[in-house]
Amino acid sequence: MLDDKTIFRVSIALAAAGIILLTLAAYFLQPAKIAISEIDESQVGKVARITGTIESISGTDTRFLKLSDGYGSITIVVFEREARNIDMEGLKVGEEISLTGKISLYRGEIEVILSSLDAKSNT
């Protein structure tokens, strides 16, 4: 039979291993990549990676990007706090970008709230 001290050590070791595994899983798991044309109300609340070409940029504090993948388009909302972490002035119409954001519904329109700009390349 195991004594209390051994049970305590095993419990601590298993808890530490669980925390390490959860941390690694969170680091390596990426949001699903979704085509803009496939985004609909059933995905509201989900985090997704999308890629598309910037069709327009508007706004001052909160910025709005219209992003298209050739089959559909969607508004990307960049709140001021995220805009501070991105070179917004470096984004240009016609540029292809990949981003991660939360799919939202605002006033009946589906949009993506930007979490991070993952990549950009001039096309």
C-alpha atoms as a PDB file:
ATOM      1  CA  MET A   1       0.000   0.000   0.000  1.00  0.00           C
ATOM      2  CA  LEU A   2       1.249   3.496  -0.836  1.00  0.00           C
ATOM      3  CA  ASP A   3       1.832   5.954   1.927  1.00  0.00           C
ATOM      4  CA  ASP A   4       0.561   9.543   1.870  1.00  0.00           C
ATOM      5  CA  LYS A   5       3.948  10.975   0.924  1.00  0.00           C
ATOM      6  CA  THR A   6       4.206   8.743  -2.180  1.00  0.00           C
ATOM      7  CA  ILE A   7       0.652   9.516  -3.258  1.00  0.00           C
ATOM      8  CA  PHE A   8       1.380  13.225  -2.871  1.00  0.00           C
ATOM      9  CA  ARG A   9       4.557  12.972  -5.030  1.00  0.00           C
ATOM     10  CA  VAL A  10       2.742  11.005  -7.744  1.00  0.00           C
ATOM     11  CA  SER A  11      -0.101  13.551  -7.753  1.00  0.00           C
ATOM     12  CA  ILE A  12       2.308  16.484  -8.104  1.00  0.00           C
ATOM     13  CA  ALA A  13       4.197  14.728 -10.924  1.00  0.00           C
ATOM     14  CA  LEU A  14       0.974  13.975 -12.822  1.00  0.00           C
ATOM     15  CA  ALA A  15      -0.311  17.530 -12.352  1.00  0.00           C
ATOM     16  CA  ALA A  16       2.976  18.975 -13.654  1.00  0.00           C
ATOM     17  CA  ALA A  17       2.915  16.622 -16.655  1.00  0.00           C
ATOM     18  CA  GLY A  18      -0.671  17.672 -17.414  1.00  0.00           C
ATOM     19  CA  ILE A  19       0.199  21.360 -17.296  1.00  0.00           C
ATOM     20  CA  ILE A  20       3.167  20.815 -19.617  1.00  0.00           C
ATOM     21  CA  LEU A  21       1.036  18.866 -22.110  1.00  0.00           C
ATOM     22  CA  LEU A  22      -1.684  21.525 -22.097  1.00  0.00           C
ATOM     23  CA  THR A  23       0.888  24.261 -22.681  1.00  0.00           C
ATOM     24  CA  LEU A  24       2.413  22.359 -25.604  1.00  0.00           C
ATOM     25  CA  ALA A  25      -1.007  21.640 -27.103  1.00  0.00           C
ATOM     26  CA  ALA A  26      -1.980  25.320 -26.910  1.00  0.00           C
ATOM     27  CA  TYR A  27       1.293  26.323 -28.572  1.00  0.00           C
ATOM     28  CA  PHE A  28       1.081  23.862 -31.465  1.00  0.00           C
ATOM     29  CA  LEU A  29      -2.646  23.867 -32.187  1.00  0.00           C
ATOM     30  CA  GLN A  30      -3.594  26.458 -34.770  1.00  0.00           C
ATOM     31  CA  PRO A  31      -7.072  27.745 -35.615  1.00  0.00           C
ATOM     32  CA  ALA A  32      -8.695  26.138 -38.654  1.00  0.00           C
ATOM     33  CA  LYS A  33      -7.982  27.742 -42.018  1.00  0.00           C
ATOM     34  CA  ILE A  34     -11.283  28.703 -43.655  1.00  0.00           C
ATOM     35  CA  ALA A  35     -11.949  30.104 -47.129  1.00  0.00           C
ATOM     36  CA  ILE A  36     -13.757  33.433 -46.971  1.00  0.00           C
ATOM     37  CA  SER A  37     -16.538  32.062 -49.176  1.00  0.00           C
ATOM     38  CA  GLU A  38     -17.173  29.289 -46.622  1.00  0.00           C
ATOM     39  CA  ILE A  39     -17.694  31.622 -43.656  1.00  0.00           C
ATOM     40  CA  ASP A  40     -21.315  31.747 -42.531  1.00  0.00           C
ATOM     41  CA  GLU A  41     -23.376  32.286 -39.372  1.00  0.00           C
ATOM     42  CA  SER A  42     -22.719  28.714 -38.188  1.00  0.00           C
ATOM     43  CA  GLN A  43     -19.096  29.735 -37.507  1.00  0.00           C
ATOM     44  CA  VAL A  44     -19.868  32.835 -35.430  1.00  0.00           C
ATOM     45  CA  GLY A  45     -17.777  32.729 -32.265  1.00  0.00           C
ATOM     46  CA  LYS A  46     -15.054  30.530 -33.766  1.00  0.00           C
ATOM     47  CA  VAL A  47     -11.462  31.598 -34.305  1.00  0.00           C
ATOM     48  CA  ALA A  48     -10.195  31.054 -37.847  1.00  0.00           C
ATOM     49  CA  ARG A  49      -7.221  31.718 -40.108  1.00  0.00           C
ATOM     50  CA  ILE A  50      -8.113  33.335 -43.415  1.00  0.00           C
ATOM     51  CA  THR A  51      -6.118  34.501 -46.413  1.00  0.00           C
ATOM     52  CA  GLY A  52      -7.166  37.049 -48.968  1.00  0.00           C
ATOM     53  CA  THR A  53      -6.373  40.170 -50.917  1.00  0.00           C
ATOM     54  CA  ILE A  54      -7.074  43.599 -49.429  1.00  0.00           C
ATOM     55  CA  GLU A  55      -9.768  45.329 -51.505  1.00  0.00           C
ATOM     56  CA  SER A  56     -10.127  48.433 -49.331  1.00  0.00           C
ATOM     57  CA  ILE A  57      -8.937  50.010 -46.081  1.00  0.00           C
ATOM     58  CA  SER A  58     -10.980  52.556 -44.137  1.00  0.00           C
ATOM     59  CA  GLY A  59     -11.361  54.076 -40.687  1.00  0.00           C
ATOM     60  CA  THR A  60      -9.030  55.939 -38.374  1.00  0.00           C
ATOM     61  CA  ASP A  61      -8.966  54.558 -34.807  1.00  0.00           C
ATOM     62  CA  THR A  62     -10.855  51.360 -35.620  1.00  0.00           C
ATOM     63  CA  ARG A  63      -9.777  50.200 -39.069  1.00  0.00           C
ATOM     64  CA  PHE A  64     -11.810  48.159 -41.529  1.00  0.00           C
ATOM     65  CA  LEU A  65     -10.283  45.978 -44.215  1.00  0.00           C
ATOM     66  CA  LYS A  66     -12.361  44.432 -46.984  1.00  0.00           C
ATOM     67  CA  LEU A  67     -10.683  41.109 -47.743  1.00  0.00           C
ATOM     68  CA  SER A  68     -11.436  38.896 -50.763  1.00  0.00           C
ATOM     69  CA  ASP A  69     -10.276  35.419 -51.778  1.00  0.00           C
ATOM     70  CA  GLY A  70     -11.723  35.558 -55.301  1.00  0.00           C
ATOM     71  CA  TYR A  71     -14.869  33.668 -54.272  1.00  0.00           C
ATOM     72  CA  GLY A  72     -16.128  35.836 -51.423  1.00  0.00           C
ATOM     73  CA  SER A  73     -15.300  38.920 -49.393  1.00  0.00           C
ATOM     74  CA  ILE A  74     -15.559  39.861 -45.727  1.00  0.00           C
ATOM     75  CA  THR A  75     -14.917  42.838 -43.472  1.00  0.00           C
ATOM     76  CA  ILE A  76     -11.985  42.561 -41.093  1.00  0.00           C
ATOM     77  CA  VAL A  77     -12.295  44.804 -38.022  1.00  0.00           C
ATOM     78  CA  VAL A  78      -9.026  46.017 -36.516  1.00  0.00           C
ATOM     79  CA  PHE A  79      -9.641  47.711 -33.183  1.00  0.00           C
ATOM     80  CA  GLU A  80      -7.194  50.386 -32.060  1.00  0.00           C
ATOM     81  CA  ARG A  81      -5.442  48.117 -29.532  1.00  0.00           C
ATOM     82  CA  GLU A  82      -4.605  45.578 -32.271  1.00  0.00           C
ATOM     83  CA  ALA A  83      -3.778  48.294 -34.798  1.00  0.00           C
ATOM     84  CA  ARG A  84      -0.980  49.499 -32.488  1.00  0.00           C
ATOM     85  CA  ASN A  85       0.720  46.104 -32.902  1.00  0.00           C
ATOM     86  CA  ILE A  86       0.458  46.096 -36.702  1.00  0.00           C
ATOM     87  CA  ASP A  87       2.055  48.345 -39.302  1.00  0.00           C
ATOM     88  CA  MET A  88      -1.340  49.528 -40.592  1.00  0.00           C
ATOM     89  CA  GLU A  89       0.318  52.121 -42.809  1.00  0.00           C
ATOM     90  CA  GLY A  90       2.309  49.282 -44.414  1.00  0.00           C
ATOM     91  CA  LEU A  91      -0.868  47.473 -45.508  1.00  0.00           C
ATOM     92  CA  LYS A  92      -1.815  48.268 -49.083  1.00  0.00           C
ATOM     93  CA  VAL A  93      -4.808  47.589 -51.307  1.00  0.00           C
ATOM     94  CA  GLY A  94      -3.969  44.621 -53.549  1.00  0.00           C
ATOM     95  CA  GLU A  95      -1.718  43.010 -50.956  1.00  0.00           C
ATOM     96  CA  GLU A  96      -2.364  39.402 -49.921  1.00  0.00           C
ATOM     97  CA  ILE A  97      -2.471  38.785 -46.164  1.00  0.00           C
ATOM     98  CA  SER A  98      -3.120  35.888 -43.805  1.00  0.00           C
ATOM     99  CA  LEU A  99      -4.681  36.620 -40.454  1.00  0.00           C
ATOM    100  CA  THR A 100      -6.303  35.046 -37.436  1.00  0.00           C
ATOM    101  CA  GLY A 101      -9.512  36.413 -35.973  1.00  0.00           C
ATOM    102  CA  LYS A 102     -12.837  35.681 -34.348  1.00  0.00           C
ATOM    103  CA  ILE A 103     -15.846  35.364 -36.631  1.00  0.00           C
ATOM    104  CA  SER A 104     -18.580  37.730 -35.411  1.00  0.00           C
ATOM    105  CA  LEU A 105     -22.012  38.954 -36.370  1.00  0.00           C
ATOM    106  CA  TYR A 106     -22.635  42.709 -36.151  1.00  0.00           C
ATOM    107  CA  ARG A 107     -25.870  44.308 -37.305  1.00  0.00           C
ATOM    108  CA  GLY A 108     -26.675  41.249 -39.397  1.00  0.00           C
ATOM    109  CA  GLU A 109     -23.303  41.212 -41.179  1.00  0.00           C
ATOM    110  CA  ILE A 110     -20.592  38.618 -40.673  1.00  0.00           C
ATOM    111  CA  GLU A 111     -17.162  40.072 -39.936  1.00  0.00           C
ATOM    112  CA  VAL A 112     -13.858  38.947 -38.491  1.00  0.00           C
ATOM    113  CA  ILE A 113     -12.341  40.666 -35.456  1.00  0.00           C
ATOM    114  CA  LEU A 114      -8.579  40.615 -36.016  1.00  0.00           C
ATOM    115  CA  SER A 115      -6.460  38.850 -33.402  1.00  0.00           C
ATOM    116  CA  SER A 116      -3.171  38.702 -35.306  1.00  0.00           C
ATOM    117  CA  LEU A 117      -1.740  39.399 -38.719  1.00  0.00           C
ATOM    118  CA  ASP A 118       0.119  36.197 -39.562  1.00  0.00           C
ATOM    119  CA  ALA A 119       1.741  37.028 -42.903  1.00  0.00           C
ATOM    120  CA  LYS A 120       1.671  39.464 -45.749  1.00  0.00           C
ATOM    121  CA  SER A 121       3.189  39.487 -49.204  1.00  0.00           C
ATOM    122  CA  ASN A 122       2.987  41.884 -52.120  1.00  0.00           C
ATOM    123  CA  THR A 123       1.180  40.439 -55.101  1.00  0.00           C
END
